Amino acid sequence: MRKLCPSCQKPKVLFASELEALKYIKSRRNKAANVHLKPYYCEACQAWHLTHKVR
């Protein structure tokens, strides 16, 4: 589910915990092999988001 993050004013997927975000990354690993996803905590919305880097 995407919600608007008050920090960056962009729609983001919010995760309640780092573990949930890591599980999501693991489930998507084969679908986006050239993208490295990493969770980070956002103080503004008090949730975990994902950041990415294209390899």
N, C-alpha and C. Protein backbone atom coordinates (compact mmCIF):
# COMPACT_ATOMS: atom_id res chain seq x y z
N MET A 1 0.84 -1.17 0.00
CA MET A 1 0.00 0.00 0.00
C MET A 1 0.89 1.24 0.00
N ARG A 2 0.58 2.18 -0.85
CA ARG A 2 1.36 3.41 -0.94
C ARG A 2 0.64 4.54 -0.21
N LYS A 3 1.44 5.33 0.51
CA LYS A 3 0.93 6.52 1.18
C LYS A 3 1.91 7.65 0.93
N LEU A 4 1.41 8.85 1.03
CA LEU A 4 2.26 10.02 0.83
C LEU A 4 3.15 10.22 2.05
N CYS A 5 4.44 10.23 1.83
CA CYS A 5 5.40 10.45 2.92
C CYS A 5 5.50 11.96 3.16
N PRO A 6 5.28 12.42 4.41
CA PRO A 6 5.35 13.86 4.68
C PRO A 6 6.76 14.44 4.50
N SER A 7 7.77 13.61 4.56
CA SER A 7 9.14 14.09 4.43
C SER A 7 9.49 14.48 3.00
N CYS A 8 9.19 13.61 2.06
CA CYS A 8 9.58 13.86 0.67
C CYS A 8 8.41 14.19 -0.25
N GLN A 9 7.18 14.10 0.27
CA GLN A 9 5.96 14.39 -0.50
C GLN A 9 5.82 13.50 -1.73
N LYS A 10 6.27 12.25 -1.60
CA LYS A 10 6.13 11.26 -2.67
C LYS A 10 5.40 10.05 -2.12
N PRO A 11 4.64 9.35 -2.98
CA PRO A 11 3.98 8.12 -2.51
C PRO A 11 5.04 7.04 -2.27
N LYS A 12 4.98 6.44 -1.10
CA LYS A 12 5.95 5.40 -0.72
C LYS A 12 5.20 4.19 -0.17
N VAL A 13 5.82 3.03 -0.31
CA VAL A 13 5.31 1.84 0.36
C VAL A 13 5.81 1.90 1.79
N LEU A 14 4.89 1.77 2.75
CA LEU A 14 5.25 1.84 4.16
C LEU A 14 5.22 0.44 4.76
N PHE A 15 6.24 0.11 5.50
CA PHE A 15 6.32 -1.17 6.21
C PHE A 15 6.38 -0.87 7.70
N ALA A 16 5.71 -1.71 8.50
CA ALA A 16 5.66 -1.51 9.94
C ALA A 16 6.99 -1.84 10.62
N SER A 17 7.78 -2.70 9.97
CA SER A 17 9.06 -3.10 10.58
C SER A 17 10.09 -3.34 9.49
N GLU A 18 11.35 -3.36 9.92
CA GLU A 18 12.43 -3.67 8.99
C GLU A 18 12.29 -5.09 8.48
N LEU A 19 11.85 -6.00 9.34
CA LEU A 19 11.66 -7.40 8.94
C LEU A 19 10.64 -7.52 7.82
N GLU A 20 9.52 -6.78 7.90
CA GLU A 20 8.53 -6.80 6.83
C GLU A 20 9.13 -6.31 5.52
N ALA A 21 9.92 -5.25 5.59
CA ALA A 21 10.56 -4.71 4.39
C ALA A 21 11.54 -5.72 3.79
N LEU A 22 12.30 -6.40 4.65
CA LEU A 22 13.26 -7.40 4.16
C LEU A 22 12.54 -8.59 3.53
N LYS A 23 11.42 -8.99 4.10
CA LYS A 23 10.62 -10.09 3.52
C LYS A 23 10.11 -9.70 2.14
N TYR A 24 9.68 -8.46 2.00
CA TYR A 24 9.21 -7.97 0.71
C TYR A 24 10.34 -8.00 -0.31
N ILE A 25 11.52 -7.54 0.10
CA ILE A 25 12.68 -7.55 -0.80
C ILE A 25 12.98 -8.98 -1.24
N LYS A 26 12.97 -9.91 -0.31
CA LYS A 26 13.26 -11.31 -0.63
C LYS A 26 12.23 -11.86 -1.62
N SER A 27 10.97 -11.49 -1.47
CA SER A 27 9.93 -11.98 -2.37
C SER A 27 10.06 -11.40 -3.77
N ARG A 28 10.70 -10.26 -3.91
CA ARG A 28 10.85 -9.60 -5.21
C ARG A 28 12.21 -9.85 -5.86
N ARG A 29 13.09 -10.56 -5.21
CA ARG A 29 14.48 -10.71 -5.67
C ARG A 29 14.58 -11.16 -7.13
N ASN A 30 13.82 -12.14 -7.54
CA ASN A 30 13.92 -12.65 -8.92
C ASN A 30 13.24 -11.74 -9.93
N LYS A 31 12.34 -10.88 -9.49
CA LYS A 31 11.61 -10.01 -10.40
C LYS A 31 12.41 -8.77 -10.80
N ALA A 32 13.33 -8.38 -9.96
CA ALA A 32 14.12 -7.17 -10.22
C ALA A 32 15.59 -7.45 -9.94
N ALA A 33 16.18 -8.33 -10.71
CA ALA A 33 17.55 -8.77 -10.46
C ALA A 33 18.57 -7.65 -10.60
N ASN A 34 18.27 -6.64 -11.40
CA ASN A 34 19.24 -5.56 -11.62
C ASN A 34 19.03 -4.38 -10.67
N VAL A 35 18.13 -4.51 -9.69
CA VAL A 35 17.86 -3.44 -8.73
C VAL A 35 18.18 -3.93 -7.33
N HIS A 36 19.00 -3.16 -6.61
CA HIS A 36 19.35 -3.49 -5.23
C HIS A 36 18.44 -2.68 -4.31
N LEU A 37 17.57 -3.36 -3.55
CA LEU A 37 16.65 -2.69 -2.63
C LEU A 37 17.21 -2.76 -1.21
N LYS A 38 17.00 -1.68 -0.45
CA LYS A 38 17.49 -1.61 0.91
C LYS A 38 16.45 -0.87 1.76
N PRO A 39 16.10 -1.40 2.94
CA PRO A 39 15.14 -0.70 3.79
C PRO A 39 15.80 0.42 4.59
N TYR A 40 15.03 1.45 4.89
CA TYR A 40 15.50 2.52 5.77
C TYR A 40 14.31 3.05 6.58
N TYR A 41 14.59 3.54 7.77
CA TYR A 41 13.54 4.05 8.64
C TYR A 41 13.33 5.53 8.39
N CYS A 42 12.08 5.94 8.26
CA CYS A 42 11.72 7.33 8.02
C CYS A 42 11.11 7.90 9.30
N GLU A 43 11.79 8.87 9.89
CA GLU A 43 11.31 9.51 11.12
C GLU A 43 10.02 10.29 10.87
N ALA A 44 9.87 10.86 9.67
CA ALA A 44 8.72 11.71 9.37
C ALA A 44 7.39 10.95 9.44
N CYS A 45 7.37 9.74 8.91
CA CYS A 45 6.12 8.97 8.93
C CYS A 45 6.21 7.77 9.86
N GLN A 46 7.33 7.60 10.51
CA GLN A 46 7.56 6.52 11.48
C GLN A 46 7.25 5.15 10.90
N ALA A 47 7.80 4.92 9.72
CA ALA A 47 7.64 3.64 9.03
C ALA A 47 8.91 3.35 8.25
N TRP A 48 9.00 2.15 7.73
CA TRP A 48 10.14 1.74 6.91
C TRP A 48 9.78 1.89 5.44
N HIS A 49 10.72 2.40 4.65
CA HIS A 49 10.59 2.53 3.20
C HIS A 49 11.71 1.71 2.55
N LEU A 50 11.67 1.66 1.22
CA LEU A 50 12.74 1.01 0.47
C LEU A 50 13.43 2.05 -0.41
N THR A 51 14.72 1.94 -0.48
CA THR A 51 15.50 2.73 -1.41
C THR A 51 16.10 1.75 -2.42
N HIS A 52 16.44 2.23 -3.59
CA HIS A 52 16.96 1.31 -4.62
C HIS A 52 18.16 1.92 -5.33
N LYS A 53 18.94 1.01 -5.88
CA LYS A 53 20.07 1.40 -6.71
C LYS A 53 20.08 0.42 -7.89
N VAL A 54 20.09 0.95 -9.10
CA VAL A 54 20.16 0.10 -10.28
C VAL A 54 21.60 -0.34 -10.46
N ARG A 55 21.79 -1.63 -10.66
CA ARG A 55 23.15 -2.17 -10.81
C ARG A 55 23.63 -2.06 -12.22
